[in-house]
C-alpha atoms as a PDB file:
ATOM      1  CA  UNK A   1     -23.772  -0.049  75.968  1.00  0.00           C
ATOM      2  CA  UNK A   2     -22.543   0.170  79.532  1.00  0.00           C
ATOM      3  CA  UNK A   3     -23.447   2.892  81.995  1.00  0.00           C
ATOM      4  CA  UNK A   4     -21.183   5.930  81.738  1.00  0.00           C
ATOM      5  CA  UNK A   5     -20.699   7.033  85.353  1.00  0.00           C
ATOM      6  CA  UNK A   6     -19.427  10.444  84.255  1.00  0.00           C
ATOM      7  CA  UNK A   7     -22.479  11.301  82.131  1.00  0.00           C
ATOM      8  CA  UNK A   8     -25.361   9.354  83.661  1.00  0.00           C
ATOM      9  CA  UNK A   9     -26.900   9.923  87.086  1.00  0.00           C
ATOM     10  CA  UNK A  10     -26.732   6.724  89.105  1.00  0.00           C
ATOM     11  CA  UNK A  11     -29.996   5.685  90.734  1.00  0.00           C
ATOM     12  CA  UNK A  12     -30.867   2.800  93.025  1.00  0.00           C
ATOM     13  CA  UNK A  13     -33.220   0.152  91.692  1.00  0.00           C
ATOM     14  CA  UNK A  14     -35.788   1.389  94.196  1.00  0.00           C
ATOM     15  CA  UNK A  15     -35.662   4.843  92.599  1.00  0.00           C
ATOM     16  CA  UNK A  16     -35.824   3.452  89.061  1.00  0.00           C
ATOM     17  CA  UNK A  17     -38.909   1.342  89.888  1.00  0.00           C
ATOM     18  CA  UNK A  18     -40.885   4.572  90.186  1.00  0.00           C
ATOM     19  CA  UNK A  19     -39.842   5.549  86.638  1.00  0.00           C
ATOM     20  CA  UNK A  20     -41.235   2.381  85.060  1.00  0.00           C
ATOM     21  CA  UNK A  21     -44.800   2.975  83.859  1.00  0.00           C
ATOM     22  CA  UNK A  22     -47.326   1.173  86.057  1.00  0.00           C
ATOM     23  CA  UNK A  23     -49.269  -1.800  84.741  1.00  0.00           C
ATOM     24  CA  UNK A  24     -52.756  -2.196  86.252  1.00  0.00           C
ATOM     25  CA  UNK A  25     -51.892   0.655  88.604  1.00  0.00           C
ATOM     26  CA  UNK A  26     -48.774  -1.052  90.011  1.00  0.00           C
ATOM     27  CA  UNK A  27     -45.103  -0.418  89.448  1.00  0.00           C
ATOM     28  CA  UNK A  28     -42.902  -3.503  89.128  1.00  0.00           C
ATOM     29  CA  UNK A  29     -41.192  -4.815  92.255  1.00  0.00           C
ATOM     30  CA  UNK A  30     -37.507  -4.063  92.834  1.00  0.00           C
ATOM     31  CA  UNK A  31     -36.778  -7.785  92.417  1.00  0.00           C
ATOM     32  CA  UNK A  32     -38.191  -7.569  88.884  1.00  0.00           C
ATOM     33  CA  UNK A  33     -35.616  -4.934  87.958  1.00  0.00           C
ATOM     34  CA  UNK A  34     -32.891  -7.035  89.565  1.00  0.00           C
ATOM     35  CA  UNK A  35     -34.030 -10.000  87.444  1.00  0.00           C
ATOM     36  CA  UNK A  36     -33.887  -7.775  84.344  1.00  0.00           C
ATOM     37  CA  UNK A  37     -30.284  -6.940  85.292  1.00  0.00           C
ATOM     38  CA  UNK A  38     -29.122 -10.481  86.026  1.00  0.00           C
ATOM     39  CA  UNK A  39     -31.273 -12.734  83.814  1.00  0.00           C
ATOM     40  CA  UNK A  40     -32.687 -10.301  81.307  1.00  0.00           C
ATOM     41  CA  UNK A  41     -36.009 -10.267  79.508  1.00  0.00           C
ATOM     42  CA  UNK A  42     -36.298 -11.868  76.065  1.00  0.00           C
ATOM     43  CA  UNK A  43     -32.520 -11.780  75.745  1.00  0.00           C
ATOM     44  CA  UNK A  44     -32.161  -8.105  76.740  1.00  0.00           C
ATOM     45  CA  UNK A  45     -30.463  -7.043  79.992  1.00  0.00           C
ATOM     46  CA  UNK A  46     -30.819  -3.846  82.009  1.00  0.00           C
ATOM     47  CA  UNK A  47     -27.364  -2.295  82.479  1.00  0.00           C
ATOM     48  CA  UNK A  48     -26.313  -1.951  86.110  1.00  0.00           C
ATOM     49  CA  UNK A  49     -23.323  -1.310  88.326  1.00  0.00           C
ATOM     50  CA  UNK A  50     -22.550  -2.481  91.812  1.00  0.00           C
ATOM     51  CA  UNK A  51     -21.298   0.307  94.057  1.00  0.00           C
ATOM     52  CA  UNK A  52     -20.299  -1.326  97.310  1.00  0.00           C
ATOM     53  CA  UNK A  53     -23.378  -3.197  98.517  1.00  0.00           C
ATOM     54  CA  UNK A  54     -25.772  -1.191  96.320  1.00  0.00           C
ATOM     55  CA  UNK A  55     -26.927  -2.016  92.828  1.00  0.00           C
ATOM     56  CA  UNK A  56     -27.455   1.054  90.681  1.00  0.00           C
ATOM     57  CA  UNK A  57     -28.566   1.825  87.166  1.00  0.00           C
ATOM     58  CA  UNK A  58     -29.639   4.979  85.357  1.00  0.00           C
ATOM     59  CA  UNK A  59     -32.640   6.477  83.629  1.00  0.00           C
ATOM     60  CA  UNK A  60     -30.680   6.297  80.364  1.00  0.00           C
ATOM     61  CA  UNK A  61     -30.010   2.582  80.924  1.00  0.00           C
ATOM     62  CA  UNK A  62     -33.745   2.055  81.458  1.00  0.00           C
ATOM     63  CA  UNK A  63     -34.393   3.863  78.169  1.00  0.00           C
ATOM     64  CA  UNK A  64     -31.855   1.663  76.336  1.00  0.00           C
ATOM     65  CA  UNK A  65     -33.438  -1.420  77.893  1.00  0.00           C
ATOM     66  CA  UNK A  66     -36.912  -0.381  76.667  1.00  0.00           C
ATOM     67  CA  UNK A  67     -35.572   0.438  73.195  1.00  0.00           C
ATOM     68  CA  UNK A  68     -33.715  -2.883  72.924  1.00  0.00           C
ATOM     69  CA  UNK A  69     -36.858  -4.775  74.020  1.00  0.00           C
ATOM     70  CA  UNK A  70     -38.840  -3.054  71.280  1.00  0.00           C
ATOM     71  CA  UNK A  71     -36.180  -4.027  68.720  1.00  0.00           C
ATOM     72  CA  UNK A  72     -36.207  -7.613  70.020  1.00  0.00           C
ATOM     73  CA  UNK A  73     -40.002  -7.734  69.589  1.00  0.00           C
ATOM     74  CA  UNK A  74     -39.666  -6.774  65.927  1.00  0.00           C
ATOM     75  CA  UNK A  75     -37.237  -9.603  65.166  1.00  0.00           C
ATOM     76  CA  UNK A  76     -38.696 -13.074  64.567  1.00  0.00           C
ATOM     77  CA  UNK A  77     -37.725 -15.737  67.100  1.00  0.00           C
ATOM     78  CA  UNK A  78     -35.035 -18.087  65.846  1.00  0.00           C
ATOM     79  CA  UNK A  79     -35.679 -21.811  65.621  1.00  0.00           C
ATOM     80  CA  UNK A  80     -33.014 -22.454  68.273  1.00  0.00           C
ATOM     81  CA  UNK A  81     -34.399 -20.016  70.832  1.00  0.00           C
ATOM     82  CA  UNK A  82     -38.116 -20.553  71.339  1.00  0.00           C
ATOM     83  CA  UNK A  83     -38.200 -19.359  74.914  1.00  0.00           C
ATOM     84  CA  UNK A  84     -37.378 -20.552  78.413  1.00  0.00           C
ATOM     85  CA  UNK A  85     -40.089 -23.217  78.587  1.00  0.00           C
ATOM     86  CA  UNK A  86     -38.916 -24.955  75.445  1.00  0.00           C
ATOM     87  CA  UNK A  87     -35.312 -24.732  76.640  1.00  0.00           C
ATOM     88  CA  UNK A  88     -36.300 -26.290  79.970  1.00  0.00           C
ATOM     89  CA  UNK A  89     -38.202 -29.076  78.214  1.00  0.00           C
ATOM     90  CA  UNK A  90     -35.253 -29.681  75.894  1.00  0.00           C
ATOM     91  CA  UNK A  91     -32.840 -29.954  78.859  1.00  0.00           C
ATOM     92  CA  UNK A  92     -35.194 -32.359  80.651  1.00  0.00           C
ATOM     93  CA  UNK A  93     -35.468 -34.488  77.513  1.00  0.00           C
ATOM     94  CA  UNK A  94     -31.683 -34.585  77.068  1.00  0.00           C
ATOM     95  CA  UNK A  95     -31.205 -35.542  80.743  1.00  0.00           C
ATOM     96  CA  UNK A  96     -33.755 -38.344  80.468  1.00  0.00           C
ATOM     97  CA  UNK A  97     -32.178 -39.557  77.248  1.00  0.00           C
ATOM     98  CA  UNK A  98     -28.733 -39.603  78.879  1.00  0.00           C
ATOM     99  CA  UNK A  99     -29.981 -41.480  81.941  1.00  0.00           C
ATOM    100  CA  UNK A 100     -31.857 -44.007  79.828  1.00  0.00           C
ATOM    101  CA  UNK A 101     -28.783 -44.631  77.690  1.00  0.00           C
ATOM    102  CA  UNK A 102     -26.783 -45.687  80.761  1.00  0.00           C
ATOM    103  CA  UNK A 103     -29.300 -48.382  81.718  1.00  0.00           C
ATOM    104  CA  UNK A 104     -29.284 -51.848  80.197  1.00  0.00           C
ATOM    105  CA  UNK A 105     -32.358 -53.801  79.220  1.00  0.00           C
ATOM    106  CA  UNK A 106     -32.350 -57.221  80.918  1.00  0.00           C
ATOM    107  CA  UNK A 107     -34.885 -59.962  80.282  1.00  0.00           C
ATOM    108  CA  UNK A 108     -35.059 -62.672  82.932  1.00  0.00           C
ATOM    109  CA  UNK A 109     -36.971 -65.909  82.400  1.00  0.00           C
ATOM    110  CA  UNK A 110     -40.518 -65.562  83.719  1.00  0.00           C
ATOM    111  CA  UNK A 111     -40.092 -61.834  84.428  1.00  0.00           C
ATOM    112  CA  UNK A 112     -41.445 -58.843  82.692  1.00  0.00           C
ATOM    113  CA  UNK A 113     -38.970 -56.500  81.076  1.00  0.00           C
ATOM    114  CA  UNK A 114     -36.784 -54.917  83.830  1.00  0.00           C
ATOM    115  CA  UNK A 115     -34.396 -52.020  83.755  1.00  0.00           C
ATOM    116  CA  UNK A 116     -31.036 -52.416  85.533  1.00  0.00           C
ATOM    117  CA  UNK A 117     -28.076 -50.176  85.909  1.00  0.00           C
END
């Protein structure tokens, strides 16, 4: 659900940081909230708006984000989406496989096995 500018009070990310419960006595950094907006966390994004140069969200959006994270925790991970590390490894494997497929194996007399493009 998007932010309703008529019903929700818009707050800067700096203001919202203070509303997030501290972990080990520290509130998250503003860049963490920005990452939650842009990249998300476990597939859940924090709703935000850009007003001129400022990025704003709302206390209600933070509540929806927390609720959606809790729902995401209850659902089992799918076989296709095992997390960012596995996705990164899978992309690296596919890239290596593609690059290897473009090379030809050449055996020259007296040489060890060489790879040529």
